[in-house]
């Protein structure tokens, strides 16, 4: 693929990811500009992963994601994004807290602590 094709393909993928997620991380944009093939494949995962209409409803998929992000002490922006998405899909703040409490059994109290910090600053 020539340079112009790569740039156009990257632009399309970046637009799709932005549209599907409602945000675009600068790191993903940087990666997509350099390797559009990888990010094209990657861009198909999130809509399927967090979709409703599967055995596990989307709000519960978001809760799992939140707990894993808190366990890994990911960026607050990422955690806030998924907390907001969980709430949009029907989760409550107390439901998020209960998921974090459950995750603290396997993930340790730092998971709960970090998650509660994210929940406190969500507003």
PDB file of N, CA and C in Angstrom:
ATOM      1  N   UNK A   1       0.852  -1.167   0.000  1.00  0.00           N
ATOM      2  CA  UNK A   1       0.000   0.000   0.000  1.00  0.00           C
ATOM      3  C   UNK A   1       0.895   1.226   0.000  1.00  0.00           C
ATOM      4  N   UNK A   2       0.556   2.197  -0.828  1.00  0.00           N
ATOM      5  CA  UNK A   2       1.392   3.403  -0.882  1.00  0.00           C
ATOM      6  C   UNK A   2       1.036   4.352   0.270  1.00  0.00           C
ATOM      7  N   UNK A   3       1.814   5.392   0.412  1.00  0.00           N
ATOM      8  CA  UNK A   3       1.688   6.322   1.535  1.00  0.00           C
ATOM      9  C   UNK A   3       0.305   6.983   1.593  1.00  0.00           C
ATOM     10  N   UNK A   4      -0.226   7.406   0.455  1.00  0.00           N
ATOM     11  CA  UNK A   4      -1.548   8.040   0.431  1.00  0.00           C
ATOM     12  C   UNK A   4      -2.654   7.063   0.833  1.00  0.00           C
ATOM     13  N   UNK A   5      -2.564   5.829   0.349  1.00  0.00           N
ATOM     14  CA  UNK A   5      -3.543   4.807   0.726  1.00  0.00           C
ATOM     15  C   UNK A   5      -3.490   4.548   2.231  1.00  0.00           C
ATOM     16  N   UNK A   6      -2.291   4.448   2.773  1.00  0.00           N
ATOM     17  CA  UNK A   6      -2.113   4.206   4.208  1.00  0.00           C
ATOM     18  C   UNK A   6      -2.739   5.343   5.015  1.00  0.00           C
ATOM     19  N   UNK A   7      -2.487   6.592   4.605  1.00  0.00           N
ATOM     20  CA  UNK A   7      -3.038   7.743   5.327  1.00  0.00           C
ATOM     21  C   UNK A   7      -4.566   7.762   5.272  1.00  0.00           C
ATOM     22  N   UNK A   8      -5.130   7.477   4.105  1.00  0.00           N
ATOM     23  CA  UNK A   8      -6.588   7.460   3.958  1.00  0.00           C
ATOM     24  C   UNK A   8      -7.211   6.340   4.776  1.00  0.00           C
ATOM     25  N   UNK A   9      -6.575   5.182   4.746  1.00  0.00           N
ATOM     26  CA  UNK A   9      -7.073   4.042   5.521  1.00  0.00           C
ATOM     27  C   UNK A   9      -7.006   4.347   7.014  1.00  0.00           C
ATOM     28  N   UNK A  10      -5.902   4.940   7.455  1.00  0.00           N
ATOM     29  CA  UNK A  10      -5.756   5.311   8.866  1.00  0.00           C
ATOM     30  C   UNK A  10      -6.820   6.317   9.263  1.00  0.00           C
ATOM     31  N   UNK A  11      -7.066   7.298   8.422  1.00  0.00           N
ATOM     32  CA  UNK A  11      -8.073   8.328   8.704  1.00  0.00           C
ATOM     33  C   UNK A  11      -9.453   7.694   8.878  1.00  0.00           C
ATOM     34  N   UNK A  12      -9.790   6.748   8.015  1.00  0.00           N
ATOM     35  CA  UNK A  12     -11.085   6.064   8.098  1.00  0.00           C
ATOM     36  C   UNK A  12     -11.192   5.246   9.384  1.00  0.00           C
ATOM     37  N   UNK A  13     -10.129   4.556   9.750  1.00  0.00           N
ATOM     38  CA  UNK A  13     -10.139   3.727  10.954  1.00  0.00           C
ATOM     39  C   UNK A  13     -10.250   4.604  12.197  1.00  0.00           C
ATOM     40  N   UNK A  14      -9.516   5.691  12.219  1.00  0.00           N
ATOM     41  CA  UNK A  14      -9.570   6.620  13.352  1.00  0.00           C
ATOM     42  C   UNK A  14     -10.993   7.169  13.500  1.00  0.00           C
ATOM     43  N   UNK A  15     -11.615   7.533  12.392  1.00  0.00           N
ATOM     44  CA  UNK A  15     -12.994   8.027  12.426  1.00  0.00           C
ATOM     45  C   UNK A  15     -13.964   6.983  12.944  1.00  0.00           C
ATOM     46  N   UNK A  16     -13.795   5.737  12.508  1.00  0.00           N
ATOM     47  CA  UNK A  16     -14.674   4.654  12.967  1.00  0.00           C
ATOM     48  C   UNK A  16     -14.511   4.422  14.458  1.00  0.00           C
ATOM     49  N   UNK A  17     -13.257   4.361  14.920  1.00  0.00           N
ATOM     50  CA  UNK A  17     -13.018   4.130  16.340  1.00  0.00           C
ATOM     51  C   UNK A  17     -13.603   5.271  17.174  1.00  0.00           C
ATOM     52  N   UNK A  18     -13.413   6.491  16.728  1.00  0.00           N
ATOM     53  CA  UNK A  18     -13.965   7.664  17.417  1.00  0.00           C
ATOM     54  C   UNK A  18     -15.486   7.569  17.480  1.00  0.00           C
ATOM     55  N   UNK A  19     -16.097   7.213  16.371  1.00  0.00           N
ATOM     56  CA  UNK A  19     -17.551   7.106  16.319  1.00  0.00           C
ATOM     57  C   UNK A  19     -18.097   5.983  17.181  1.00  0.00           C
ATOM     58  N   UNK A  20     -17.442   4.819  17.152  1.00  0.00           N
ATOM     59  CA  UNK A  20     -17.906   3.667  17.932  1.00  0.00           C
ATOM     60  C   UNK A  20     -17.774   3.902  19.428  1.00  0.00           C
ATOM     61  N   UNK A  21     -16.678   4.541  19.833  1.00  0.00           N
ATOM     62  CA  UNK A  21     -16.382   4.678  21.253  1.00  0.00           C
ATOM     63  C   UNK A  21     -16.790   6.028  21.837  1.00  0.00           C
ATOM     64  N   UNK A  22     -16.840   7.045  21.001  1.00  0.00           N
ATOM     65  CA  UNK A  22     -17.109   8.377  21.495  1.00  0.00           C
ATOM     66  C   UNK A  22     -15.859   9.098  21.971  1.00  0.00           C
ATOM     67  N   UNK A  23     -14.732   8.476  21.805  1.00  0.00           N
ATOM     68  CA  UNK A  23     -13.444   9.072  22.165  1.00  0.00           C
ATOM     69  C   UNK A  23     -12.362   8.368  21.358  1.00  0.00           C
ATOM     70  N   UNK A  24     -11.210   8.975  21.306  1.00  0.00           N
ATOM     71  CA  UNK A  24     -10.074   8.369  20.609  1.00  0.00           C
ATOM     72  C   UNK A  24      -8.819   8.699  21.398  1.00  0.00           C
ATOM     73  N   UNK A  25      -8.158   7.685  21.878  1.00  0.00           N
ATOM     74  CA  UNK A  25      -6.913   7.901  22.607  1.00  0.00           C
ATOM     75  C   UNK A  25      -5.816   8.335  21.641  1.00  0.00           C
ATOM     76  N   UNK A  26      -4.984   9.286  22.064  1.00  0.00           N
ATOM     77  CA  UNK A  26      -3.897   9.736  21.185  1.00  0.00           C
ATOM     78  C   UNK A  26      -2.956   8.589  20.805  1.00  0.00           C
ATOM     79  N   UNK A  27      -2.771   7.645  21.713  1.00  0.00           N
ATOM     80  CA  UNK A  27      -1.891   6.503  21.427  1.00  0.00           C
ATOM     81  C   UNK A  27      -2.461   5.635  20.317  1.00  0.00           C
ATOM     82  N   UNK A  28      -3.790   5.454  20.318  1.00  0.00           N
ATOM     83  CA  UNK A  28      -4.427   4.661  19.263  1.00  0.00           C
ATOM     84  C   UNK A  28      -4.326   5.373  17.928  1.00  0.00           C
ATOM     85  N   UNK A  29      -4.521   6.676  17.937  1.00  0.00           N
ATOM     86  CA  UNK A  29      -4.408   7.444  16.691  1.00  0.00           C
ATOM     87  C   UNK A  29      -2.992   7.324  16.137  1.00  0.00           C
ATOM     88  N   UNK A  30      -2.012   7.480  17.009  1.00  0.00           N
ATOM     89  CA  UNK A  30      -0.605   7.350  16.633  1.00  0.00           C
ATOM     90  C   UNK A  30      -0.352   5.962  16.020  1.00  0.00           C
ATOM     91  N   UNK A  31      -0.860   4.926  16.690  1.00  0.00           N
ATOM     92  CA  UNK A  31      -0.675   3.560  16.197  1.00  0.00           C
ATOM     93  C   UNK A  31      -1.371   3.310  14.876  1.00  0.00           C
ATOM     94  N   UNK A  32      -2.591   3.828  14.751  1.00  0.00           N
ATOM     95  CA  UNK A  32      -3.365   3.622  13.518  1.00  0.00           C
ATOM     96  C   UNK A  32      -2.719   4.297  12.324  1.00  0.00           C
ATOM     97  N   UNK A  33      -2.101   5.441  12.565  1.00  0.00           N
ATOM     98  CA  UNK A  33      -1.421   6.140  11.475  1.00  0.00           C
ATOM     99  C   UNK A  33      -0.221   5.332  10.968  1.00  0.00           C
ATOM    100  N   UNK A  34       0.364   4.526  11.812  1.00  0.00           N
ATOM    101  CA  UNK A  34       1.547   3.761  11.432  1.00  0.00           C
ATOM    102  C   UNK A  34       1.226   2.350  10.957  1.00  0.00           C
ATOM    103  N   UNK A  35       0.168   1.741  11.557  1.00  0.00           N
ATOM    104  CA  UNK A  35      -0.182   0.368  11.201  1.00  0.00           C
ATOM    105  C   UNK A  35      -1.700   0.227  11.114  1.00  0.00           C
ATOM    106  N   UNK A  36      -2.282   0.753  10.037  1.00  0.00           N
ATOM    107  CA  UNK A  36      -3.742   0.720   9.916  1.00  0.00           C
ATOM    108  C   UNK A  36      -4.319  -0.691   9.917  1.00  0.00           C
ATOM    109  N   UNK A  37      -3.590  -1.673   9.431  1.00  0.00           N
ATOM    110  CA  UNK A  37      -4.109  -3.045   9.390  1.00  0.00           C
ATOM    111  C   UNK A  37      -4.402  -3.576  10.789  1.00  0.00           C
ATOM    112  N   UNK A  38      -3.475  -3.382  11.700  1.00  0.00           N
ATOM    113  CA  UNK A  38      -3.672  -3.850  13.077  1.00  0.00           C
ATOM    114  C   UNK A  38      -4.870  -3.147  13.708  1.00  0.00           C
ATOM    115  N   UNK A  39      -4.911  -1.814  13.597  1.00  0.00           N
ATOM    116  CA  UNK A  39      -5.972  -1.066  14.261  1.00  0.00           C
ATOM    117  C   UNK A  39      -7.327  -1.262  13.600  1.00  0.00           C
ATOM    118  N   UNK A  40      -7.338  -1.642  12.344  1.00  0.00           N
ATOM    119  CA  UNK A  40      -8.603  -1.994  11.700  1.00  0.00           C
ATOM    120  C   UNK A  40      -9.166  -3.256  12.358  1.00  0.00           C
ATOM    121  N   UNK A  41      -8.325  -4.247  12.572  1.00  0.00           N
ATOM    122  CA  UNK A  41      -8.760  -5.474  13.247  1.00  0.00           C
ATOM    123  C   UNK A  41      -9.163  -5.175  14.692  1.00  0.00           C
ATOM    124  N   UNK A  42      -8.358  -4.364  15.371  1.00  0.00           N
ATOM    125  CA  UNK A  42      -8.635  -4.007  16.766  1.00  0.00           C
ATOM    126  C   UNK A  42      -9.955  -3.242  16.887  1.00  0.00           C
ATOM    127  N   UNK A  43     -10.262  -2.410  15.918  1.00  0.00           N
ATOM    128  CA  UNK A  43     -11.451  -1.558  15.998  1.00  0.00           C
ATOM    129  C   UNK A  43     -12.746  -2.358  16.004  1.00  0.00           C
ATOM    130  N   UNK A  44     -12.705  -3.602  15.584  1.00  0.00           N
ATOM    131  CA  UNK A  44     -13.906  -4.431  15.547  1.00  0.00           C
ATOM    132  C   UNK A  44     -14.188  -5.102  16.889  1.00  0.00           C
ATOM    133  N   UNK A  45     -13.206  -5.122  17.793  1.00  0.00           N
ATOM    134  CA  UNK A  45     -13.370  -5.856  19.051  1.00  0.00           C
ATOM    135  C   UNK A  45     -14.298  -5.160  20.040  1.00  0.00           C
ATOM    136  N   UNK A  46     -14.116  -3.871  20.301  1.00  0.00           N
ATOM    137  CA  UNK A  46     -14.881  -3.194  21.350  1.00  0.00           C
ATOM    138  C   UNK A  46     -16.381  -3.208  21.105  1.00  0.00           C
ATOM    139  N   UNK A  47     -16.854  -2.886  19.893  1.00  0.00           N
ATOM    140  CA  UNK A  47     -18.313  -2.899  19.708  1.00  0.00           C
ATOM    141  C   UNK A  47     -18.930  -4.267  20.005  1.00  0.00           C
ATOM    142  N   UNK A  48     -18.238  -5.338  19.669  1.00  0.00           N
ATOM    143  CA  UNK A  48     -18.733  -6.685  19.942  1.00  0.00           C
ATOM    144  C   UNK A  48     -18.599  -7.003  21.426  1.00  0.00           C
ATOM    145  N   UNK A  49     -17.481  -6.638  22.015  1.00  0.00           N
ATOM    146  CA  UNK A  49     -17.195  -6.966  23.406  1.00  0.00           C
ATOM    147  C   UNK A  49     -18.192  -6.337  24.365  1.00  0.00           C
ATOM    148  N   UNK A  50     -18.588  -5.090  24.123  1.00  0.00           N
ATOM    149  CA  UNK A  50     -19.457  -4.384  25.069  1.00  0.00           C
ATOM    150  C   UNK A  50     -20.918  -4.332  24.642  1.00  0.00           C
ATOM    151  N   UNK A  51     -21.265  -5.061  23.587  1.00  0.00           N
ATOM    152  CA  UNK A  51     -22.624  -5.003  23.048  1.00  0.00           C
ATOM    153  C   UNK A  51     -23.627  -5.735  23.933  1.00  0.00           C
ATOM    154  N   UNK A  52     -24.858  -5.226  23.929  1.00  0.00           N
ATOM    155  CA  UNK A  52     -25.967  -5.950  24.546  1.00  0.00           C
ATOM    156  C   UNK A  52     -26.422  -7.021  23.563  1.00  0.00           C
ATOM    157  N   UNK A  53     -27.362  -7.841  24.002  1.00  0.00           N
ATOM    158  CA  UNK A  53     -27.902  -8.866  23.120  1.00  0.00           C
ATOM    159  C   UNK A  53     -27.058 -10.126  23.094  1.00  0.00           C
ATOM    160  N   UNK A  54     -26.140 -10.209  24.021  1.00  0.00           N
ATOM    161  CA  UNK A  54     -25.330 -11.418  24.149  1.00  0.00           C
ATOM    162  C   UNK A  54     -25.695 -12.046  25.493  1.00  0.00           C
ATOM    163  N   UNK A  55     -25.087 -13.158  25.858  1.00  0.00           N
ATOM    164  CA  UNK A  55     -25.429 -13.844  27.103  1.00  0.00           C
ATOM    165  C   UNK A  55     -25.208 -12.955  28.323  1.00  0.00           C
ATOM    166  N   UNK A  56     -24.176 -12.156  28.314  1.00  0.00           N
ATOM    167  CA  UNK A  56     -23.891 -11.244  29.418  1.00  0.00           C
ATOM    168  C   UNK A  56     -24.202  -9.825  28.959  1.00  0.00           C
ATOM    169  N   UNK A  57     -25.200  -9.169  29.560  1.00  0.00           N
ATOM    170  CA  UNK A  57     -25.566  -7.813  29.129  1.00  0.00           C
ATOM    171  C   UNK A  57     -24.401  -6.827  29.225  1.00  0.00           C
ATOM    172  N   UNK A  58     -24.477  -5.785  28.410  1.00  0.00           N
ATOM    173  CA  UNK A  58     -23.405  -4.795  28.297  1.00  0.00           C
ATOM    174  C   UNK A  58     -23.004  -4.154  29.612  1.00  0.00           C
ATOM    175  N   UNK A  59     -23.970  -3.873  30.505  1.00  0.00           N
ATOM    176  CA  UNK A  59     -23.595  -3.220  31.763  1.00  0.00           C
ATOM    177  C   UNK A  59     -22.688  -4.122  32.593  1.00  0.00           C
ATOM    178  N   UNK A  60     -22.910  -5.432  32.547  1.00  0.00           N
ATOM    179  CA  UNK A  60     -22.056  -6.344  33.303  1.00  0.00           C
ATOM    180  C   UNK A  60     -20.687  -6.490  32.651  1.00  0.00           C
ATOM    181  N   UNK A  61     -20.657  -6.438  31.341  1.00  0.00           N
ATOM    182  CA  UNK A  61     -19.373  -6.450  30.637  1.00  0.00           C
ATOM    183  C   UNK A  61     -18.561  -5.223  31.033  1.00  0.00           C
ATOM    184  N   UNK A  62     -19.234  -4.071  31.149  1.00  0.00           N
ATOM    185  CA  UNK A  62     -18.552  -2.846  31.579  1.00  0.00           C
ATOM    186  C   UNK A  62     -18.041  -2.981  33.009  1.00  0.00           C
ATOM    187  N   UNK A  63     -18.827  -3.598  33.888  1.00  0.00           N
ATOM    188  CA  UNK A  63     -18.390  -3.785  35.274  1.00  0.00           C
ATOM    189  C   UNK A  63     -17.135  -4.649  35.349  1.00  0.00           C
ATOM    190  N   UNK A  64     -17.085  -5.698  34.555  1.00  0.00           N
ATOM    191  CA  UNK A  64     -15.877  -6.535  34.507  1.00  0.00           C
ATOM    192  C   UNK A  64     -14.693  -5.692  34.061  1.00  0.00           C
ATOM    193  N   UNK A  65     -14.901  -4.906  33.024  1.00  0.00           N
ATOM    194  CA  UNK A  65     -13.834  -4.058  32.490  1.00  0.00           C
ATOM    195  C   UNK A  65     -13.352  -3.057  33.538  1.00  0.00           C
ATOM    196  N   UNK A  66     -14.288  -2.428  34.241  1.00  0.00           N
ATOM    197  CA  UNK A  66     -13.942  -1.467  35.292  1.00  0.00           C
ATOM    198  C   UNK A  66     -13.069  -2.137  36.348  1.00  0.00           C
ATOM    199  N   UNK A  67     -13.474  -3.303  36.804  1.00  0.00           N
ATOM    200  CA  UNK A  67     -12.714  -4.001  37.849  1.00  0.00           C
ATOM    201  C   UNK A  67     -11.304  -4.349  37.389  1.00  0.00           C
ATOM    202  N   UNK A  68     -11.173  -4.789  36.157  1.00  0.00           N
ATOM    203  CA  UNK A  68      -9.837  -5.104  35.640  1.00  0.00           C
ATOM    204  C   UNK A  68      -8.986  -3.849  35.500  1.00  0.00           C
ATOM    205  N   UNK A  69      -9.591  -2.768  35.031  1.00  0.00           N
ATOM    206  CA  UNK A  69      -8.839  -1.509  34.928  1.00  0.00           C
ATOM    207  C   UNK A  69      -8.384  -1.033  36.297  1.00  0.00           C
ATOM    208  N   UNK A  70      -9.242  -1.172  37.301  1.00  0.00           N
ATOM    209  CA  UNK A  70      -8.865  -0.752  38.659  1.00  0.00           C
ATOM    210  C   UNK A  70      -7.776  -1.658  39.223  1.00  0.00           C
ATOM    211  N   UNK A  71      -7.884  -2.949  38.977  1.00  0.00           N
ATOM    212  CA  UNK A  71      -6.846  -3.882  39.422  1.00  0.00           C
ATOM    213  C   UNK A  71      -5.484  -3.497  38.836  1.00  0.00           C
ATOM    214  N   UNK A  72      -5.495  -3.076  37.575  1.00  0.00           N
ATOM    215  CA  UNK A  72      -4.249  -2.700  36.887  1.00  0.00           C
ATOM    216  C   UNK A  72      -3.852  -1.252  37.156  1.00  0.00           C
ATOM    217  N   UNK A  73      -4.697  -0.527  37.906  1.00  0.00           N
ATOM    218  CA  UNK A  73      -4.464   0.883  38.200  1.00  0.00           C
ATOM    219  C   UNK A  73      -4.254   1.680  36.913  1.00  0.00           C
ATOM    220  N   UNK A  74      -5.189   1.466  35.993  1.00  0.00           N
ATOM    221  CA  UNK A  74      -5.167   2.162  34.699  1.00  0.00           C
ATOM    222  C   UNK A  74      -5.500   3.630  34.905  1.00  0.00           C
ATOM    223  N   UNK A  75      -5.490   4.380  33.828  1.00  0.00           N
ATOM    224  CA  UNK A  75      -5.760   5.817  33.924  1.00  0.00           C
ATOM    225  C   UNK A  75      -7.186   6.061  34.401  1.00  0.00           C
ATOM    226  N   UNK A  76      -7.346   7.115  35.179  1.00  0.00           N
ATOM    227  CA  UNK A  76      -8.676   7.503  35.653  1.00  0.00           C
ATOM    228  C   UNK A  76      -9.591   7.816  34.476  1.00  0.00           C
ATOM    229  N   UNK A  77      -9.040   8.392  33.420  1.00  0.00           N
ATOM    230  CA  UNK A  77      -9.863   8.690  32.239  1.00  0.00           C
ATOM    231  C   UNK A  77     -10.489   7.420  31.682  1.00  0.00           C
ATOM    232  N   UNK A  78      -9.706   6.359  31.580  1.00  0.00           N
ATOM    233  CA  UNK A  78     -10.228   5.093  31.052  1.00  0.00           C
ATOM    234  C   UNK A  78     -11.297   4.528  31.978  1.00  0.00           C
ATOM    235  N   UNK A  79     -11.035   4.571  33.277  1.00  0.00           N
ATOM    236  CA  UNK A  79     -12.003   4.039  34.241  1.00  0.00           C
ATOM    237  C   UNK A  79     -13.280   4.868  34.215  1.00  0.00           C
ATOM    238  N   UNK A  80     -13.143   6.193  34.189  1.00  0.00           N
ATOM    239  CA  UNK A  80     -14.322   7.060  34.125  1.00  0.00           C
ATOM    240  C   UNK A  80     -15.145   6.790  32.866  1.00  0.00           C
ATOM    241  N   UNK A  81     -14.484   6.596  31.753  1.00  0.00           N
ATOM    242  CA  UNK A  81     -15.185   6.316  30.495  1.00  0.00           C
ATOM    243  C   UNK A  81     -16.051   5.068  30.637  1.00  0.00           C
ATOM    244  N   UNK A  82     -15.499   4.019  31.228  1.00  0.00           N
ATOM    245  CA  UNK A  82     -16.258   2.776  31.359  1.00  0.00           C
ATOM    246  C   UNK A  82     -17.295   2.855  32.472  1.00  0.00           C
ATOM    247  N   UNK A  83     -17.039   3.646  33.506  1.00  0.00           N
ATOM    248  CA  UNK A  83     -18.067   3.852  34.536  1.00  0.00           C
ATOM    249  C   UNK A  83     -19.270   4.581  33.941  1.00  0.00           C
ATOM    250  N   UNK A  84     -19.012   5.615  33.160  1.00  0.00           N
ATOM    251  CA  UNK A  84     -20.105   6.346  32.518  1.00  0.00           C
ATOM    252  C   UNK A  84     -20.878   5.441  31.570  1.00  0.00           C
ATOM    253  N   UNK A  85     -20.165   4.617  30.836  1.00  0.00           N
ATOM    254  CA  UNK A  85     -20.817   3.692  29.911  1.00  0.00           C
ATOM    255  C   UNK A  85     -21.670   2.678  30.676  1.00  0.00           C
ATOM    256  N   UNK A  86     -21.154   2.171  31.790  1.00  0.00           N
ATOM    257  CA  UNK A  86     -21.918   1.217  32.604  1.00  0.00           C
ATOM    258  C   UNK A  86     -23.203   1.863  33.107  1.00  0.00           C
ATOM    259  N   UNK A  87     -23.110   3.114  33.557  1.00  0.00           N
ATOM    260  CA  UNK A  87     -24.290   3.829  34.053  1.00  0.00           C
ATOM    261  C   UNK A  87     -25.287   4.055  32.916  1.00  0.00           C
ATOM    262  N   UNK A  88     -24.797   4.418  31.740  1.00  0.00           N
ATOM    263  CA  UNK A  88     -25.682   4.591  30.570  1.00  0.00           C
ATOM    264  C   UNK A  88     -26.392   3.292  30.214  1.00  0.00           C
ATOM    265  N   UNK A  89     -25.756   2.160  30.505  1.00  0.00           N
ATOM    266  CA  UNK A  89     -26.334   0.856  30.188  1.00  0.00           C
ATOM    267  C   UNK A  89     -27.161   0.295  31.341  1.00  0.00           C
ATOM    268  N   UNK A  90     -27.353   1.104  32.403  1.00  0.00           N
ATOM    269  CA  UNK A  90     -28.258   0.691  33.470  1.00  0.00           C
ATOM    270  C   UNK A  90     -27.623   0.359  34.804  1.00  0.00           C
ATOM    271  N   UNK A  91     -26.327   0.414  34.924  1.00  0.00           N
ATOM    272  CA  UNK A  91     -25.689   0.165  36.219  1.00  0.00           C
ATOM    273  C   UNK A  91     -25.872   1.388  37.113  1.00  0.00           C
ATOM    274  N   UNK A  92     -25.854   1.162  38.409  1.00  0.00           N
ATOM    275  CA  UNK A  92     -25.916   2.266  39.365  1.00  0.00           C
ATOM    276  C   UNK A  92     -24.525   2.445  39.981  1.00  0.00           C
ATOM    277  N   UNK A  93     -24.320   3.578  40.639  1.00  0.00           N
ATOM    278  CA  UNK A  93     -23.029   3.788  41.312  1.00  0.00           C
ATOM    279  C   UNK A  93     -22.818   2.747  42.407  1.00  0.00           C
ATOM    280  N   UNK A  94     -23.887   2.391  43.131  1.00  0.00           N
ATOM    281  CA  UNK A  94     -23.732   1.364  44.170  1.00  0.00           C
ATOM    282  C   UNK A  94     -23.443   0.006  43.520  1.00  0.00           C
ATOM    283  N   UNK A  95     -23.994  -0.233  42.345  1.00  0.00           N
ATOM    284  CA  UNK A  95     -23.680  -1.465  41.622  1.00  0.00           C
ATOM    285  C   UNK A  95     -22.208  -1.525  41.229  1.00  0.00           C
ATOM    286  N   UNK A  96     -21.680  -0.389  40.796  1.00  0.00           N
ATOM    287  CA  UNK A  96     -20.245  -0.325  40.473  1.00  0.00           C
ATOM    288  C   UNK A  96     -19.429  -0.598  41.726  1.00  0.00           C
ATOM    289  N   UNK A  97     -19.831   0.017  42.845  1.00  0.00           N
ATOM    290  CA  UNK A  97     -19.106  -0.196  44.094  1.00  0.00           C
ATOM    291  C   UNK A  97     -19.152  -1.666  44.512  1.00  0.00           C
ATOM    292  N   UNK A  98     -20.319  -2.292  44.397  1.00  0.00           N
ATOM    293  CA  UNK A  98     -20.423  -3.702  44.763  1.00  0.00           C
ATOM    294  C   UNK A  98     -19.554  -4.584  43.869  1.00  0.00           C
ATOM    295  N   UNK A  99     -19.456  -4.249  42.602  1.00  0.00           N
ATOM    296  CA  UNK A  99     -18.564  -4.999  41.703  1.00  0.00           C
ATOM    297  C   UNK A  99     -17.115  -4.842  42.160  1.00  0.00           C
ATOM    298  N   UNK A 100     -16.734  -3.631  42.535  1.00  0.00           N
ATOM    299  CA  UNK A 100     -15.376  -3.384  43.024  1.00  0.00           C
ATOM    300  C   UNK A 100     -15.116  -4.127  44.338  1.00  0.00           C
ATOM    301  N   UNK A 101     -16.113  -4.159  45.214  1.00  0.00           N
ATOM    302  CA  UNK A 101     -15.973  -4.898  46.470  1.00  0.00           C
ATOM    303  C   UNK A 101     -15.748  -6.377  46.190  1.00  0.00           C
ATOM    304  N   UNK A 102     -16.493  -6.912  45.235  1.00  0.00           N
ATOM    305  CA  UNK A 102     -16.323  -8.313  44.847  1.00  0.00           C
ATOM    306  C   UNK A 102     -14.932  -8.541  44.272  1.00  0.00           C
ATOM    307  N   UNK A 103     -14.482  -7.628  43.419  1.00  0.00           N
ATOM    308  CA  UNK A 103     -13.161  -7.757  42.797  1.00  0.00           C
ATOM    309  C   UNK A 103     -12.042  -7.668  43.829  1.00  0.00           C
ATOM    310  N   UNK A 104     -12.295  -6.990  44.953  1.00  0.00           N
ATOM    311  CA  UNK A 104     -11.241  -6.844  45.961  1.00  0.00           C
ATOM    312  C   UNK A 104     -10.897  -8.164  46.633  1.00  0.00           C
ATOM    313  N   UNK A 105     -11.806  -9.132  46.566  1.00  0.00           N
ATOM    314  CA  UNK A 105     -11.510 -10.441  47.161  1.00  0.00           C
ATOM    315  C   UNK A 105     -10.358 -11.113  46.408  1.00  0.00           C
ATOM    316  N   UNK A 106     -10.423 -11.099  45.094  1.00  0.00           N
ATOM    317  CA  UNK A 106      -9.349 -11.697  44.287  1.00  0.00           C
ATOM    318  C   UNK A 106      -8.246 -10.709  43.957  1.00  0.00           C
ATOM    319  N   UNK A 107      -8.617  -9.436  43.792  1.00  0.00           N
ATOM    320  CA  UNK A 107      -7.662  -8.424  43.338  1.00  0.00           C
ATOM    321  C   UNK A 107      -6.979  -7.653  44.451  1.00  0.00           C
ATOM    322  N   UNK A 108      -7.454  -7.821  45.678  1.00  0.00           N
ATOM    323  CA  UNK A 108      -6.871  -7.111  46.802  1.00  0.00           C
ATOM    324  C   UNK A 108      -7.532  -5.763  47.029  1.00  0.00           C
ATOM    325  N   UNK A 109      -7.331  -5.233  48.231  1.00  0.00           N
ATOM    326  CA  UNK A 109      -7.947  -3.960  48.595  1.00  0.00           C
ATOM    327  C   UNK A 109      -7.482  -2.788  47.739  1.00  0.00           C
ATOM    328  N   UNK A 110      -6.260  -2.796  47.182  1.00  0.00           N
ATOM    329  CA  UNK A 110      -5.911  -1.685  46.288  1.00  0.00           C
ATOM    330  C   UNK A 110      -6.872  -1.554  45.099  1.00  0.00           C
ATOM    331  N   UNK A 111      -7.425  -2.668  44.631  1.00  0.00           N
ATOM    332  CA  UNK A 111      -8.403  -2.622  43.546  1.00  0.00           C
ATOM    333  C   UNK A 111      -9.623  -1.831  43.984  1.00  0.00           C
ATOM    334  N   UNK A 112     -10.128  -2.119  45.184  1.00  0.00           N
ATOM    335  CA  UNK A 112     -11.279  -1.398  45.720  1.00  0.00           C
ATOM    336  C   UNK A 112     -10.939   0.068  45.961  1.00  0.00           C
ATOM    337  N   UNK A 113      -9.792   0.310  46.572  1.00  0.00           N
ATOM    338  CA  UNK A 113      -9.370   1.682  46.878  1.00  0.00           C
ATOM    339  C   UNK A 113      -9.290   2.527  45.606  1.00  0.00           C
ATOM    340  N   UNK A 114      -8.635   2.006  44.598  1.00  0.00           N
ATOM    341  CA  UNK A 114      -8.461   2.735  43.342  1.00  0.00           C
ATOM    342  C   UNK A 114      -9.803   2.944  42.651  1.00  0.00           C
ATOM    343  N   UNK A 115     -10.651   1.916  42.689  1.00  0.00           N
ATOM    344  CA  UNK A 115     -11.972   2.022  42.082  1.00  0.00           C
ATOM    345  C   UNK A 115     -12.851   3.039  42.788  1.00  0.00           C
ATOM    346  N   UNK A 116     -12.788   3.065  44.123  1.00  0.00           N
ATOM    347  CA  UNK A 116     -13.581   4.048  44.860  1.00  0.00           C
ATOM    348  C   UNK A 116     -13.084   5.460  44.592  1.00  0.00           C
ATOM    349  N   UNK A 117     -11.770   5.620  44.438  1.00  0.00           N
ATOM    350  CA  UNK A 117     -11.228   6.944  44.080  1.00  0.00           C
ATOM    351  C   UNK A 117     -11.803   7.379  42.729  1.00  0.00           C
ATOM    352  N   UNK A 118     -11.850   6.453  41.785  1.00  0.00           N
ATOM    353  CA  UNK A 118     -12.403   6.788  40.460  1.00  0.00           C
ATOM    354  C   UNK A 118     -13.881   7.137  40.588  1.00  0.00           C
ATOM    355  N   UNK A 119     -14.619   6.360  41.388  1.00  0.00           N
ATOM    356  CA  UNK A 119     -16.042   6.617  41.548  1.00  0.00           C
ATOM    357  C   UNK A 119     -16.286   7.957  42.244  1.00  0.00           C
ATOM    358  N   UNK A 120     -15.466   8.303  43.228  1.00  0.00           N
ATOM    359  CA  UNK A 120     -15.589   9.590  43.919  1.00  0.00           C
ATOM    360  C   UNK A 120     -15.385  10.765  42.985  1.00  0.00           C
ATOM    361  N   UNK A 121     -14.500  10.609  42.032  1.00  0.00           N
ATOM    362  CA  UNK A 121     -14.150  11.710  41.131  1.00  0.00           C
ATOM    363  C   UNK A 121     -14.898  11.653  39.805  1.00  0.00           C
ATOM    364  N   UNK A 122     -15.853  10.751  39.699  1.00  0.00           N
ATOM    365  CA  UNK A 122     -16.618  10.579  38.469  1.00  0.00           C
ATOM    366  C   UNK A 122     -17.446  11.824  38.141  1.00  0.00           C
ATOM    367  N   UNK A 123     -17.917  12.462  39.150  1.00  0.00           N
ATOM    368  CA  UNK A 123     -18.825  13.605  38.957  1.00  0.00           C
ATOM    369  C   UNK A 123     -18.083  14.748  38.425  1.00  0.00           C
TER     370      UNK A 123
END
